[in-house]
């Protein structure tokens, strides 16, 4: 699955609990590639910071982060959390990180 399709929050079902928050997401007006930096140093860190800045002004930041955590999403910035931060939160909660979800 491509990063662009990973960013597409719709899974084609109406049964997706909590789907309504997506309509209010500030990132809908941003380039999806912003949220999927390649790497964790140099220019990638700046890109991650830019993505997090978008998240900070988003009214559904918490919902987005919880959505990503509950599904084990490994890649990208979701809910203002980098891949590493989200992975740490998932481990803190005793959840499994699914590295194959969006690769």
PDB file of N, CA and C in Angstrom:
ATOM      1  N   UNK A   1       0.857  -1.175   0.000  1.00  0.00           N
ATOM      2  CA  UNK A   1       0.000   0.000   0.000  1.00  0.00           C
ATOM      3  C   UNK A   1       0.901   1.236   0.000  1.00  0.00           C
ATOM      4  N   UNK A   2       0.630   2.174  -0.829  1.00  0.00           N
ATOM      5  CA  UNK A   2       1.460   3.372  -0.912  1.00  0.00           C
ATOM      6  C   UNK A   2       1.217   4.283   0.277  1.00  0.00           C
ATOM      7  N   UNK A   3       2.140   5.189   0.490  1.00  0.00           N
ATOM      8  CA  UNK A   3       1.966   6.152   1.573  1.00  0.00           C
ATOM      9  C   UNK A   3       0.750   7.022   1.314  1.00  0.00           C
ATOM     10  N   UNK A   4       0.521   7.380   0.070  1.00  0.00           N
ATOM     11  CA  UNK A   4      -0.639   8.213  -0.247  1.00  0.00           C
ATOM     12  C   UNK A   4      -1.935   7.477   0.102  1.00  0.00           C
ATOM     13  N   UNK A   5      -2.010   6.194  -0.197  1.00  0.00           N
ATOM     14  CA  UNK A   5      -3.220   5.465   0.141  1.00  0.00           C
ATOM     15  C   UNK A   5      -3.287   5.185   1.637  1.00  0.00           C
ATOM     16  N   UNK A   6      -2.138   5.131   2.315  1.00  0.00           N
ATOM     17  CA  UNK A   6      -2.158   4.981   3.764  1.00  0.00           C
ATOM     18  C   UNK A   6      -2.781   6.211   4.406  1.00  0.00           C
ATOM     19  N   UNK A   7      -2.563   7.362   3.800  1.00  0.00           N
ATOM     20  CA  UNK A   7      -3.112   8.601   4.317  1.00  0.00           C
ATOM     21  C   UNK A   7      -4.613   8.692   4.094  1.00  0.00           C
ATOM     22  N   UNK A   8      -5.115   7.979   3.089  1.00  0.00           N
ATOM     23  CA  UNK A   8      -6.552   7.961   2.818  1.00  0.00           C
ATOM     24  C   UNK A   8      -7.220   7.241   3.978  1.00  0.00           C
ATOM     25  N   UNK A   9      -7.899   7.981   4.819  1.00  0.00           N
ATOM     26  CA  UNK A   9      -8.448   7.435   6.045  1.00  0.00           C
ATOM     27  C   UNK A   9      -9.678   6.580   5.822  1.00  0.00           C
ATOM     28  N   UNK A  10     -10.252   6.644   4.667  1.00  0.00           N
ATOM     29  CA  UNK A  10     -11.457   5.886   4.391  1.00  0.00           C
ATOM     30  C   UNK A  10     -11.105   4.444   4.096  1.00  0.00           C
ATOM     31  N   UNK A  11     -11.834   3.536   4.711  1.00  0.00           N
ATOM     32  CA  UNK A  11     -11.595   2.135   4.391  1.00  0.00           C
ATOM     33  C   UNK A  11     -12.771   1.534   3.640  1.00  0.00           C
ATOM     34  N   UNK A  12     -13.701   2.381   3.240  1.00  0.00           N
ATOM     35  CA  UNK A  12     -14.798   1.924   2.410  1.00  0.00           C
ATOM     36  C   UNK A  12     -15.963   1.327   3.159  1.00  0.00           C
ATOM     37  N   UNK A  13     -15.917   1.386   4.488  1.00  0.00           N
ATOM     38  CA  UNK A  13     -17.026   0.831   5.253  1.00  0.00           C
ATOM     39  C   UNK A  13     -17.658   1.900   6.113  1.00  0.00           C
ATOM     40  N   UNK A  14     -18.952   1.792   6.310  1.00  0.00           N
ATOM     41  CA  UNK A  14     -19.647   2.734   7.174  1.00  0.00           C
ATOM     42  C   UNK A  14     -19.555   2.301   8.626  1.00  0.00           C
ATOM     43  N   UNK A  15     -19.015   1.115   8.862  1.00  0.00           N
ATOM     44  CA  UNK A  15     -18.920   0.592  10.215  1.00  0.00           C
ATOM     45  C   UNK A  15     -17.668   1.069  10.939  1.00  0.00           C
ATOM     46  N   UNK A  16     -16.838   1.870  10.301  1.00  0.00           N
ATOM     47  CA  UNK A  16     -15.605   2.343  10.914  1.00  0.00           C
ATOM     48  C   UNK A  16     -15.948   3.307  12.047  1.00  0.00           C
ATOM     49  N   UNK A  17     -15.830   2.820  13.269  1.00  0.00           N
ATOM     50  CA  UNK A  17     -16.178   3.615  14.445  1.00  0.00           C
ATOM     51  C   UNK A  17     -15.315   4.875  14.510  1.00  0.00           C
ATOM     52  N   UNK A  18     -15.917   6.014  14.766  1.00  0.00           N
ATOM     53  CA  UNK A  18     -15.191   7.261  14.913  1.00  0.00           C
ATOM     54  C   UNK A  18     -14.821   7.920  13.606  1.00  0.00           C
ATOM     55  N   UNK A  19     -15.453   7.544  12.513  1.00  0.00           N
ATOM     56  CA  UNK A  19     -15.088   8.076  11.200  1.00  0.00           C
ATOM     57  C   UNK A  19     -15.396   9.563  11.068  1.00  0.00           C
ATOM     58  N   UNK A  20     -16.315  10.080  11.822  1.00  0.00           N
ATOM     59  CA  UNK A  20     -16.739  11.472  11.677  1.00  0.00           C
ATOM     60  C   UNK A  20     -15.626  12.480  11.918  1.00  0.00           C
ATOM     61  N   UNK A  21     -14.659  12.172  12.769  1.00  0.00           N
ATOM     62  CA  UNK A  21     -13.590  13.118  13.070  1.00  0.00           C
ATOM     63  C   UNK A  21     -12.779  13.483  11.827  1.00  0.00           C
ATOM     64  N   UNK A  22     -12.720  12.606  10.871  1.00  0.00           N
ATOM     65  CA  UNK A  22     -11.892  12.812   9.681  1.00  0.00           C
ATOM     66  C   UNK A  22     -12.314  14.038   8.871  1.00  0.00           C
ATOM     67  N   UNK A  23     -13.583  14.343   8.905  1.00  0.00           N
ATOM     68  CA  UNK A  23     -14.075  15.476   8.129  1.00  0.00           C
ATOM     69  C   UNK A  23     -13.576  16.805   8.667  1.00  0.00           C
ATOM     70  N   UNK A  24     -13.180  16.838   9.933  1.00  0.00           N
ATOM     71  CA  UNK A  24     -12.695  18.065  10.562  1.00  0.00           C
ATOM     72  C   UNK A  24     -11.180  18.152  10.615  1.00  0.00           C
ATOM     73  N   UNK A  25     -10.495  17.171  10.056  1.00  0.00           N
ATOM     74  CA  UNK A  25      -9.039  17.132  10.112  1.00  0.00           C
ATOM     75  C   UNK A  25      -8.420  18.247   9.264  1.00  0.00           C
ATOM     76  N   UNK A  26      -7.556  19.038   9.880  1.00  0.00           N
ATOM     77  CA  UNK A  26      -6.871  20.135   9.199  1.00  0.00           C
ATOM     78  C   UNK A  26      -5.976  19.610   8.075  1.00  0.00           C
ATOM     79  N   UNK A  27      -5.434  18.426   8.240  1.00  0.00           N
ATOM     80  CA  UNK A  27      -4.505  17.863   7.255  1.00  0.00           C
ATOM     81  C   UNK A  27      -5.161  17.546   5.920  1.00  0.00           C
ATOM     82  N   UNK A  28      -6.468  17.558   5.876  1.00  0.00           N
ATOM     83  CA  UNK A  28      -7.159  17.283   4.604  1.00  0.00           C
ATOM     84  C   UNK A  28      -6.770  18.289   3.522  1.00  0.00           C
ATOM     85  N   UNK A  29      -6.323  19.466   3.948  1.00  0.00           N
ATOM     86  CA  UNK A  29      -5.930  20.517   3.005  1.00  0.00           C
ATOM     87  C   UNK A  29      -4.424  20.572   2.781  1.00  0.00           C
ATOM     88  N   UNK A  30      -3.698  19.588   3.274  1.00  0.00           N
ATOM     89  CA  UNK A  30      -2.243  19.542   3.144  1.00  0.00           C
ATOM     90  C   UNK A  30      -1.834  18.417   2.203  1.00  0.00           C
ATOM     91  N   UNK A  31      -0.614  18.513   1.683  1.00  0.00           N
ATOM     92  CA  UNK A  31      -0.053  17.446   0.869  1.00  0.00           C
ATOM     93  C   UNK A  31       0.202  16.239   1.774  1.00  0.00           C
ATOM     94  N   UNK A  32      -0.374  15.091   1.483  1.00  0.00           N
ATOM     95  CA  UNK A  32      -0.182  13.914   2.337  1.00  0.00           C
ATOM     96  C   UNK A  32       1.279  13.533   2.530  1.00  0.00           C
ATOM     97  N   UNK A  33       2.112  13.819   1.567  1.00  0.00           N
ATOM     98  CA  UNK A  33       3.533  13.465   1.672  1.00  0.00           C
ATOM     99  C   UNK A  33       4.217  14.170   2.843  1.00  0.00           C
ATOM    100  N   UNK A  34       3.684  15.319   3.275  1.00  0.00           N
ATOM    101  CA  UNK A  34       4.248  16.038   4.417  1.00  0.00           C
ATOM    102  C   UNK A  34       4.294  15.137   5.649  1.00  0.00           C
ATOM    103  N   UNK A  35       3.326  14.262   5.800  1.00  0.00           N
ATOM    104  CA  UNK A  35       3.181  13.451   7.000  1.00  0.00           C
ATOM    105  C   UNK A  35       3.953  12.142   6.950  1.00  0.00           C
ATOM    106  N   UNK A  36       4.690  11.926   5.854  1.00  0.00           N
ATOM    107  CA  UNK A  36       5.444  10.688   5.684  1.00  0.00           C
ATOM    108  C   UNK A  36       6.883  10.988   5.288  1.00  0.00           C
ATOM    109  N   UNK A  37       7.652  11.506   6.253  1.00  0.00           N
ATOM    110  CA  UNK A  37       9.062  11.822   6.019  1.00  0.00           C
ATOM    111  C   UNK A  37       9.842  10.528   5.797  1.00  0.00           C
ATOM    112  N   UNK A  38      10.851  10.627   4.968  1.00  0.00           N
ATOM    113  CA  UNK A  38      11.720   9.483   4.717  1.00  0.00           C
ATOM    114  C   UNK A  38      12.964   9.680   5.570  1.00  0.00           C
ATOM    115  N   UNK A  39      13.029   8.956   6.655  1.00  0.00           N
ATOM    116  CA  UNK A  39      14.164   9.065   7.561  1.00  0.00           C
ATOM    117  C   UNK A  39      13.802   9.756   8.859  1.00  0.00           C
ATOM    118  N   UNK A  40      14.803   9.821   9.750  1.00  0.00           N
ATOM    119  CA  UNK A  40      14.598  10.408  11.068  1.00  0.00           C
ATOM    120  C   UNK A  40      15.718  11.361  11.457  1.00  0.00           C
ATOM    121  N   UNK A  41      16.369  11.949  10.459  1.00  0.00           N
ATOM    122  CA  UNK A  41      17.422  12.917  10.747  1.00  0.00           C
ATOM    123  C   UNK A  41      17.436  13.996   9.668  1.00  0.00           C
ATOM    124  N   UNK A  42      18.175  15.055   9.933  1.00  0.00           N
ATOM    125  CA  UNK A  42      18.332  16.132   8.959  1.00  0.00           C
ATOM    126  C   UNK A  42      17.024  16.737   8.505  1.00  0.00           C
ATOM    127  N   UNK A  43      16.852  16.806   7.181  1.00  0.00           N
ATOM    128  CA  UNK A  43      15.658  17.421   6.593  1.00  0.00           C
ATOM    129  C   UNK A  43      14.378  16.682   6.993  1.00  0.00           C
ATOM    130  N   UNK A  44      14.483  15.391   7.253  1.00  0.00           N
ATOM    131  CA  UNK A  44      13.304  14.626   7.673  1.00  0.00           C
ATOM    132  C   UNK A  44      12.774  15.120   9.011  1.00  0.00           C
ATOM    133  N   UNK A  45      13.674  15.500   9.920  1.00  0.00           N
ATOM    134  CA  UNK A  45      13.238  16.032  11.210  1.00  0.00           C
ATOM    135  C   UNK A  45      12.483  17.343  11.037  1.00  0.00           C
ATOM    136  N   UNK A  46      12.937  18.167  10.115  1.00  0.00           N
ATOM    137  CA  UNK A  46      12.228  19.419   9.828  1.00  0.00           C
ATOM    138  C   UNK A  46      10.846  19.127   9.255  1.00  0.00           C
ATOM    139  N   UNK A  47      10.752  18.151   8.389  1.00  0.00           N
ATOM    140  CA  UNK A  47       9.467  17.770   7.793  1.00  0.00           C
ATOM    141  C   UNK A  47       8.515  17.237   8.868  1.00  0.00           C
ATOM    142  N   UNK A  48       9.034  16.419   9.771  1.00  0.00           N
ATOM    143  CA  UNK A  48       8.218  15.892  10.867  1.00  0.00           C
ATOM    144  C   UNK A  48       7.709  17.032  11.735  1.00  0.00           C
ATOM    145  N   UNK A  49       8.568  17.997  12.029  1.00  0.00           N
ATOM    146  CA  UNK A  49       8.157  19.171  12.815  1.00  0.00           C
ATOM    147  C   UNK A  49       7.071  19.970  12.102  1.00  0.00           C
ATOM    148  N   UNK A  50       7.174  20.101  10.782  1.00  0.00           N
ATOM    149  CA  UNK A  50       6.151  20.813  10.010  1.00  0.00           C
ATOM    150  C   UNK A  50       4.815  20.063  10.074  1.00  0.00           C
ATOM    151  N   UNK A  51       4.864  18.753   9.969  1.00  0.00           N
ATOM    152  CA  UNK A  51       3.642  17.952  10.052  1.00  0.00           C
ATOM    153  C   UNK A  51       3.016  18.093  11.434  1.00  0.00           C
ATOM    154  N   UNK A  52       3.839  18.046  12.464  1.00  0.00           N
ATOM    155  CA  UNK A  52       3.335  18.198  13.835  1.00  0.00           C
ATOM    156  C   UNK A  52       2.717  19.577  14.052  1.00  0.00           C
ATOM    157  N   UNK A  53       3.254  20.588  13.393  1.00  0.00           N
ATOM    158  CA  UNK A  53       2.693  21.939  13.503  1.00  0.00           C
ATOM    159  C   UNK A  53       1.269  21.968  12.944  1.00  0.00           C
ATOM    160  N   UNK A  54       1.030  21.243  11.863  1.00  0.00           N
ATOM    161  CA  UNK A  54      -0.324  21.127  11.311  1.00  0.00           C
ATOM    162  C   UNK A  54      -1.210  20.449  12.346  1.00  0.00           C
ATOM    163  N   UNK A  55      -0.724  19.386  12.937  1.00  0.00           N
ATOM    164  CA  UNK A  55      -1.500  18.645  13.937  1.00  0.00           C
ATOM    165  C   UNK A  55      -1.855  19.516  15.140  1.00  0.00           C
ATOM    166  N   UNK A  56      -0.929  20.363  15.556  1.00  0.00           N
ATOM    167  CA  UNK A  56      -1.176  21.197  16.738  1.00  0.00           C
ATOM    168  C   UNK A  56      -2.347  22.147  16.553  1.00  0.00           C
ATOM    169  N   UNK A  57      -2.651  22.511  15.330  1.00  0.00           N
ATOM    170  CA  UNK A  57      -3.784  23.416  15.105  1.00  0.00           C
ATOM    171  C   UNK A  57      -5.059  22.671  14.697  1.00  0.00           C
ATOM    172  N   UNK A  58      -5.031  21.360  14.831  1.00  0.00           N
ATOM    173  CA  UNK A  58      -6.150  20.530  14.397  1.00  0.00           C
ATOM    174  C   UNK A  58      -7.086  20.222  15.566  1.00  0.00           C
ATOM    175  N   UNK A  59      -8.385  20.427  15.366  1.00  0.00           N
ATOM    176  CA  UNK A  59      -9.337  20.162  16.446  1.00  0.00           C
ATOM    177  C   UNK A  59      -9.560  18.675  16.727  1.00  0.00           C
ATOM    178  N   UNK A  60      -9.093  17.805  15.850  1.00  0.00           N
ATOM    179  CA  UNK A  60      -9.302  16.367  16.051  1.00  0.00           C
ATOM    180  C   UNK A  60      -7.976  15.618  16.226  1.00  0.00           C
ATOM    181  N   UNK A  61      -6.973  16.320  16.702  1.00  0.00           N
ATOM    182  CA  UNK A  61      -5.651  15.731  16.875  1.00  0.00           C
ATOM    183  C   UNK A  61      -5.709  14.477  17.750  1.00  0.00           C
ATOM    184  N   UNK A  62      -6.403  14.528  18.858  1.00  0.00           N
ATOM    185  CA  UNK A  62      -6.486  13.385  19.760  1.00  0.00           C
ATOM    186  C   UNK A  62      -7.171  12.205  19.096  1.00  0.00           C
ATOM    187  N   UNK A  63      -8.278  12.466  18.406  1.00  0.00           N
ATOM    188  CA  UNK A  63      -8.993  11.389  17.708  1.00  0.00           C
ATOM    189  C   UNK A  63      -8.107  10.727  16.664  1.00  0.00           C
ATOM    190  N   UNK A  64      -7.358  11.515  15.945  1.00  0.00           N
ATOM    191  CA  UNK A  64      -6.457  11.007  14.909  1.00  0.00           C
ATOM    192  C   UNK A  64      -5.388  10.111  15.518  1.00  0.00           C
ATOM    193  N   UNK A  65      -4.778  10.586  16.596  1.00  0.00           N
ATOM    194  CA  UNK A  65      -3.745   9.793  17.258  1.00  0.00           C
ATOM    195  C   UNK A  65      -4.294   8.482  17.791  1.00  0.00           C
ATOM    196  N   UNK A  66      -5.462   8.540  18.394  1.00  0.00           N
ATOM    197  CA  UNK A  66      -6.083   7.320  18.915  1.00  0.00           C
ATOM    198  C   UNK A  66      -6.439   6.358  17.788  1.00  0.00           C
ATOM    199  N   UNK A  67      -6.891   6.910  16.658  1.00  0.00           N
ATOM    200  CA  UNK A  67      -7.207   6.076  15.499  1.00  0.00           C
ATOM    201  C   UNK A  67      -5.964   5.307  15.054  1.00  0.00           C
ATOM    202  N   UNK A  68      -4.841   6.016  14.928  1.00  0.00           N
ATOM    203  CA  UNK A  68      -3.600   5.389  14.475  1.00  0.00           C
ATOM    204  C   UNK A  68      -3.091   4.371  15.481  1.00  0.00           C
ATOM    205  N   UNK A  69      -3.157   4.701  16.754  1.00  0.00           N
ATOM    206  CA  UNK A  69      -2.690   3.781  17.790  1.00  0.00           C
ATOM    207  C   UNK A  69      -3.561   2.528  17.821  1.00  0.00           C
ATOM    208  N   UNK A  70      -4.863   2.705  17.745  1.00  0.00           N
ATOM    209  CA  UNK A  70      -5.760   1.554  17.841  1.00  0.00           C
ATOM    210  C   UNK A  70      -5.618   0.603  16.663  1.00  0.00           C
ATOM    211  N   UNK A  71      -5.094   1.080  15.552  1.00  0.00           N
ATOM    212  CA  UNK A  71      -4.908   0.243  14.367  1.00  0.00           C
ATOM    213  C   UNK A  71      -3.463  -0.192  14.158  1.00  0.00           C
ATOM    214  N   UNK A  72      -2.579   0.229  15.048  1.00  0.00           N
ATOM    215  CA  UNK A  72      -1.181  -0.172  14.939  1.00  0.00           C
ATOM    216  C   UNK A  72      -0.468   0.443  13.761  1.00  0.00           C
ATOM    217  N   UNK A  73      -0.873   1.648  13.357  1.00  0.00           N
ATOM    218  CA  UNK A  73      -0.250   2.304  12.208  1.00  0.00           C
ATOM    219  C   UNK A  73       1.196   2.656  12.555  1.00  0.00           C
ATOM    220  N   UNK A  74       2.114   2.176  11.751  1.00  0.00           N
ATOM    221  CA  UNK A  74       3.536   2.338  12.038  1.00  0.00           C
ATOM    222  C   UNK A  74       4.153   3.550  11.351  1.00  0.00           C
ATOM    223  N   UNK A  75       3.656   3.957  10.216  1.00  0.00           N
ATOM    224  CA  UNK A  75       4.303   4.995   9.409  1.00  0.00           C
ATOM    225  C   UNK A  75       3.614   6.343   9.530  1.00  0.00           C
ATOM    226  N   UNK A  76       4.412   7.397   9.443  1.00  0.00           N
ATOM    227  CA  UNK A  76       3.876   8.745   9.339  1.00  0.00           C
ATOM    228  C   UNK A  76       3.597   9.431  10.657  1.00  0.00           C
ATOM    229  N   UNK A  77       3.223  10.698  10.531  1.00  0.00           N
ATOM    230  CA  UNK A  77       2.810  11.507  11.677  1.00  0.00           C
ATOM    231  C   UNK A  77       1.291  11.452  11.748  1.00  0.00           C
ATOM    232  N   UNK A  78       0.785  11.046  12.880  1.00  0.00           N
ATOM    233  CA  UNK A  78      -0.655  10.949  13.121  1.00  0.00           C
ATOM    234  C   UNK A  78      -0.933  11.526  14.497  1.00  0.00           C
ATOM    235  N   UNK A  79      -1.904  12.386  14.614  1.00  0.00           N
ATOM    236  CA  UNK A  79      -2.267  12.936  15.908  1.00  0.00           C
ATOM    237  C   UNK A  79      -1.143  13.681  16.594  1.00  0.00           C
ATOM    238  N   UNK A  80      -0.249  14.253  15.810  1.00  0.00           N
ATOM    239  CA  UNK A  80       0.866  15.006  16.362  1.00  0.00           C
ATOM    240  C   UNK A  80       1.996  14.143  16.888  1.00  0.00           C
ATOM    241  N   UNK A  81       1.958  12.857  16.600  1.00  0.00           N
ATOM    242  CA  UNK A  81       2.999  11.943  17.065  1.00  0.00           C
ATOM    243  C   UNK A  81       3.794  11.385  15.886  1.00  0.00           C
ATOM    244  N   UNK A  82       5.094  11.403  16.052  1.00  0.00           N
ATOM    245  CA  UNK A  82       5.960  10.787  15.049  1.00  0.00           C
ATOM    246  C   UNK A  82       5.839   9.268  15.167  1.00  0.00           C
ATOM    247  N   UNK A  83       6.456   8.574  14.234  1.00  0.00           N
ATOM    248  CA  UNK A  83       6.447   7.119  14.257  1.00  0.00           C
ATOM    249  C   UNK A  83       7.012   6.601  15.581  1.00  0.00           C
ATOM    250  N   UNK A  84       8.133   7.182  15.988  1.00  0.00           N
ATOM    251  CA  UNK A  84       8.795   6.755  17.223  1.00  0.00           C
ATOM    252  C   UNK A  84       7.930   7.047  18.440  1.00  0.00           C
ATOM    253  N   UNK A  85       7.355   8.238  18.497  1.00  0.00           N
ATOM    254  CA  UNK A  85       6.515   8.605  19.638  1.00  0.00           C
ATOM    255  C   UNK A  85       5.276   7.718  19.737  1.00  0.00           C
ATOM    256  N   UNK A  86       4.670   7.440  18.591  1.00  0.00           N
ATOM    257  CA  UNK A  86       3.483   6.596  18.579  1.00  0.00           C
ATOM    258  C   UNK A  86       3.836   5.159  18.969  1.00  0.00           C
ATOM    259  N   UNK A  87       4.965   4.675  18.487  1.00  0.00           N
ATOM    260  CA  UNK A  87       5.415   3.340  18.843  1.00  0.00           C
ATOM    261  C   UNK A  87       5.670   3.239  20.352  1.00  0.00           C
ATOM    262  N   UNK A  88       6.284   4.262  20.924  1.00  0.00           N
ATOM    263  CA  UNK A  88       6.515   4.272  22.370  1.00  0.00           C
ATOM    264  C   UNK A  88       5.191   4.249  23.137  1.00  0.00           C
ATOM    265  N   UNK A  89       4.209   5.015  22.668  1.00  0.00           N
ATOM    266  CA  UNK A  89       2.899   5.042  23.319  1.00  0.00           C
ATOM    267  C   UNK A  89       2.210   3.689  23.194  1.00  0.00           C
ATOM    268  N   UNK A  90       2.333   3.066  22.045  1.00  0.00           N
ATOM    269  CA  UNK A  90       1.721   1.757  21.843  1.00  0.00           C
ATOM    270  C   UNK A  90       2.346   0.727  22.777  1.00  0.00           C
ATOM    271  N   UNK A  91       3.644   0.764  22.892  1.00  0.00           N
ATOM    272  CA  UNK A  91       4.332  -0.173  23.795  1.00  0.00           C
ATOM    273  C   UNK A  91       3.944   0.108  25.246  1.00  0.00           C
ATOM    274  N   UNK A  92       3.818   1.390  25.605  1.00  0.00           N
ATOM    275  CA  UNK A  92       3.421   1.763  26.957  1.00  0.00           C
ATOM    276  C   UNK A  92       2.048   1.171  27.283  1.00  0.00           C
ATOM    277  N   UNK A  93       1.183   1.135  26.278  1.00  0.00           N
ATOM    278  CA  UNK A  93      -0.163   0.587  26.450  1.00  0.00           C
ATOM    279  C   UNK A  93      -0.224  -0.928  26.281  1.00  0.00           C
ATOM    280  N   UNK A  94       0.914  -1.528  25.951  1.00  0.00           N
ATOM    281  CA  UNK A  94       0.950  -2.977  25.766  1.00  0.00           C
ATOM    282  C   UNK A  94       0.388  -3.427  24.432  1.00  0.00           C
ATOM    283  N   UNK A  95       0.397  -2.523  23.439  1.00  0.00           N
ATOM    284  CA  UNK A  95      -0.131  -2.847  22.116  1.00  0.00           C
ATOM    285  C   UNK A  95       0.995  -3.256  21.183  1.00  0.00           C
ATOM    286  N   UNK A  96       0.663  -4.057  20.206  1.00  0.00           N
ATOM    287  CA  UNK A  96       1.634  -4.532  19.216  1.00  0.00           C
ATOM    288  C   UNK A  96       1.741  -3.522  18.078  1.00  0.00           C
ATOM    289  N   UNK A  97       2.957  -3.212  17.685  1.00  0.00           N
ATOM    290  CA  UNK A  97       3.213  -2.337  16.549  1.00  0.00           C
ATOM    291  C   UNK A  97       3.226  -3.201  15.299  1.00  0.00           C
ATOM    292  N   UNK A  98       2.365  -2.873  14.338  1.00  0.00           N
ATOM    293  CA  UNK A  98       2.265  -3.652  13.113  1.00  0.00           C
ATOM    294  C   UNK A  98       3.044  -2.932  12.012  1.00  0.00           C
ATOM    295  N   UNK A  99       4.278  -3.285  11.828  1.00  0.00           N
ATOM    296  CA  UNK A  99       5.146  -2.634  10.841  1.00  0.00           C
ATOM    297  C   UNK A  99       4.711  -2.902   9.417  1.00  0.00           C
ATOM    298  N   UNK A 100       3.870  -3.885   9.175  1.00  0.00           N
ATOM    299  CA  UNK A 100       3.465  -4.222   7.813  1.00  0.00           C
ATOM    300  C   UNK A 100       2.187  -3.509   7.373  1.00  0.00           C
ATOM    301  N   UNK A 101       1.581  -2.730   8.236  1.00  0.00           N
ATOM    302  CA  UNK A 101       0.281  -2.115   7.925  1.00  0.00           C
ATOM    303  C   UNK A 101       0.355  -1.215   6.703  1.00  0.00           C
ATOM    304  N   UNK A 102       1.345  -0.344   6.609  1.00  0.00           N
ATOM    305  CA  UNK A 102       1.369   0.652   5.532  1.00  0.00           C
ATOM    306  C   UNK A 102       2.686   0.662   4.771  1.00  0.00           C
ATOM    307  N   UNK A 103       3.286  -0.457   4.595  1.00  0.00           N
ATOM    308  CA  UNK A 103       4.545  -0.498   3.858  1.00  0.00           C
ATOM    309  C   UNK A 103       4.359  -1.183   2.547  1.00  0.00           C
TER     310      UNK A 103
END
